[in-house]
């Protein structure tokens, strides 16, 4: 009896994964295209050294160009090496991994529109707060 329930749950899980797979693949393709077409020099031109404006710009870019943490760390290093402020890079990285404008349709489909919008709005503003607090602590040390 338990084996039948287990088989049924596995079948339902597989069906769910197969249903969402095309959406996830499309999202990954779109993210790859955007991330690879925007030159890294573009980011350096946007930041002027203002802690609030830099963190806001980093947050917006990270939200739009979201990705996985490993890629984000490499990108953060490149931004820091090219002279972008630490607060901008920190906001960028936090938004990069927590806010996902590109993945909104997939997340809304799976978790619901209300939850998705709420989570992304909170994550967007918290990226700025985290960036400013992090850089303030680093400057104290």
Protein backbone atom coordinates (compact mmCIF):
# COMPACT_ATOMS: atom_id res chain seq x y z
CA UNK A 1 0.00 0.00 0.00
CA UNK A 2 2.82 2.42 0.83
CA UNK A 3 4.58 1.55 -2.40
CA UNK A 4 1.51 2.58 -4.39
CA UNK A 5 1.42 5.96 -2.64
CA UNK A 6 5.14 6.37 -3.21
CA UNK A 7 4.82 5.54 -6.91
CA UNK A 8 1.88 7.94 -7.25
CA UNK A 9 3.79 10.77 -5.56
CA UNK A 10 6.85 10.15 -7.75
CA UNK A 11 4.65 10.21 -10.84
CA UNK A 12 3.05 13.51 -9.75
CA UNK A 13 6.44 15.06 -8.98
CA UNK A 14 7.82 14.02 -12.37
CA UNK A 15 4.74 15.40 -14.12
CA UNK A 16 5.19 18.73 -12.28
CA UNK A 17 8.86 18.91 -13.24
CA UNK A 18 8.12 18.12 -16.88
CA UNK A 19 5.39 20.78 -16.98
CA UNK A 20 7.66 23.52 -15.66
CA UNK A 21 10.81 22.46 -17.55
CA UNK A 22 10.09 24.49 -20.73
CA UNK A 23 9.53 27.62 -18.66
CA UNK A 24 12.78 27.14 -16.75
CA UNK A 25 14.76 26.45 -19.93
CA UNK A 26 13.34 29.58 -21.56
CA UNK A 27 14.24 31.63 -18.51
CA UNK A 28 17.80 30.29 -18.47
CA UNK A 29 18.21 31.04 -22.17
CA UNK A 30 16.99 34.60 -21.71
CA UNK A 31 19.29 35.15 -18.73
CA UNK A 32 22.27 33.82 -20.70
CA UNK A 33 21.55 36.09 -23.66
CA UNK A 34 21.22 39.22 -21.51
CA UNK A 35 24.24 38.46 -19.36
CA UNK A 36 26.48 37.81 -22.36
CA UNK A 37 25.39 40.77 -24.51
CA UNK A 38 25.89 43.55 -21.96
CA UNK A 39 29.58 44.57 -21.89
CA UNK A 40 31.23 44.86 -18.48
CA UNK A 41 32.51 48.37 -19.27
CA UNK A 42 28.87 49.51 -19.33
CA UNK A 43 28.58 49.03 -15.55
CA UNK A 44 31.62 51.13 -14.74
CA UNK A 45 30.18 54.14 -16.58
CA UNK A 46 27.02 54.11 -14.47
CA UNK A 47 28.49 54.50 -11.00
CA UNK A 48 29.57 57.94 -9.69
CA UNK A 49 30.57 57.24 -6.07
CA UNK A 50 27.33 58.37 -4.37
CA UNK A 51 26.55 55.67 -1.78
CA UNK A 52 22.78 55.82 -2.25
CA UNK A 53 22.71 56.25 -6.01
CA UNK A 54 25.39 53.60 -6.56
CA UNK A 55 23.53 51.12 -4.36
CA UNK A 56 20.25 51.87 -6.16
CA UNK A 57 21.83 51.43 -9.60
CA UNK A 58 23.59 48.24 -8.49
CA UNK A 59 20.30 46.97 -7.09
CA UNK A 60 18.37 47.69 -10.29
CA UNK A 61 21.02 46.07 -12.50
CA UNK A 62 21.35 43.04 -10.22
CA UNK A 63 17.58 42.64 -10.19
CA UNK A 64 17.36 42.66 -13.96
CA UNK A 65 20.51 40.69 -14.75
CA UNK A 66 20.01 38.09 -12.04
CA UNK A 67 22.02 34.90 -11.91
CA UNK A 68 23.61 32.30 -9.69
CA UNK A 69 26.05 33.17 -6.87
CA UNK A 70 29.15 31.68 -8.53
CA UNK A 71 28.75 33.84 -11.63
CA UNK A 72 27.94 36.80 -9.41
CA UNK A 73 31.17 36.49 -7.44
CA UNK A 74 33.22 36.50 -10.64
CA UNK A 75 31.28 39.49 -11.91
CA UNK A 76 31.69 41.30 -8.57
CA UNK A 77 35.44 40.87 -8.74
CA UNK A 78 35.52 42.30 -12.26
CA UNK A 79 33.42 45.28 -11.17
CA UNK A 80 35.65 45.95 -8.15
CA UNK A 81 38.81 45.67 -10.26
CA UNK A 82 37.39 48.18 -12.73
CA UNK A 83 36.81 50.70 -9.92
CA UNK A 84 33.11 50.31 -9.13
CA UNK A 85 32.36 51.14 -5.47
CA UNK A 86 31.94 48.36 -2.92
CA UNK A 87 28.42 49.51 -2.03
CA UNK A 88 27.33 49.27 -5.68
CA UNK A 89 28.87 45.83 -6.07
CA UNK A 90 27.35 44.60 -2.80
CA UNK A 91 23.87 45.82 -3.79
CA UNK A 92 24.36 44.29 -7.23
CA UNK A 93 25.34 40.89 -5.81
CA UNK A 94 22.56 40.78 -3.20
CA UNK A 95 19.96 41.69 -5.83
CA UNK A 96 21.64 39.37 -8.35
CA UNK A 97 20.84 36.33 -6.20
CA UNK A 98 17.65 37.43 -4.42
CA UNK A 99 15.60 39.51 -6.87
CA UNK A 100 14.62 38.07 -10.23
CA UNK A 101 12.79 40.32 -12.64
CA UNK A 102 13.43 37.93 -15.51
CA UNK A 103 12.18 34.94 -13.56
CA UNK A 104 9.02 36.65 -12.27
CA UNK A 105 6.66 34.72 -14.59
CA UNK A 106 8.08 31.37 -13.55
CA UNK A 107 8.09 32.22 -9.86
CA UNK A 108 4.54 33.63 -10.06
CA UNK A 109 3.39 30.49 -11.84
CA UNK A 110 4.85 28.24 -9.16
CA UNK A 111 4.41 30.31 -5.98
CA UNK A 112 1.60 32.73 -6.84
CA UNK A 113 1.60 36.33 -8.06
CA UNK A 114 1.02 38.01 -4.71
CA UNK A 115 3.80 36.14 -2.92
CA UNK A 116 6.21 36.64 -5.83
CA UNK A 117 5.66 40.40 -6.01
CA UNK A 118 5.90 40.81 -2.25
CA UNK A 119 9.08 38.73 -1.99
CA UNK A 120 10.79 40.56 -4.86
CA UNK A 121 9.84 44.04 -3.59
CA UNK A 122 11.15 43.23 -0.11
CA UNK A 123 14.33 41.68 -1.55
CA UNK A 124 14.87 44.74 -3.77
CA UNK A 125 14.81 47.21 -0.88
CA UNK A 126 16.72 44.91 1.45
CA UNK A 127 19.55 44.67 -1.09
CA UNK A 128 20.16 48.41 -0.68
CA UNK A 129 19.94 48.20 3.12
CA UNK A 130 22.29 45.21 3.25
CA UNK A 131 24.78 46.90 0.90
CA UNK A 132 24.95 50.11 2.95
CA UNK A 133 25.21 48.27 6.28
CA UNK A 134 27.84 45.86 4.93
CA UNK A 135 30.03 48.63 3.54
CA UNK A 136 29.63 50.65 6.75
CA UNK A 137 30.80 47.67 8.80
CA UNK A 138 33.71 47.00 6.43
CA UNK A 139 34.76 50.66 6.71
CA UNK A 140 34.69 50.42 10.51
CA UNK A 141 36.97 47.39 10.50
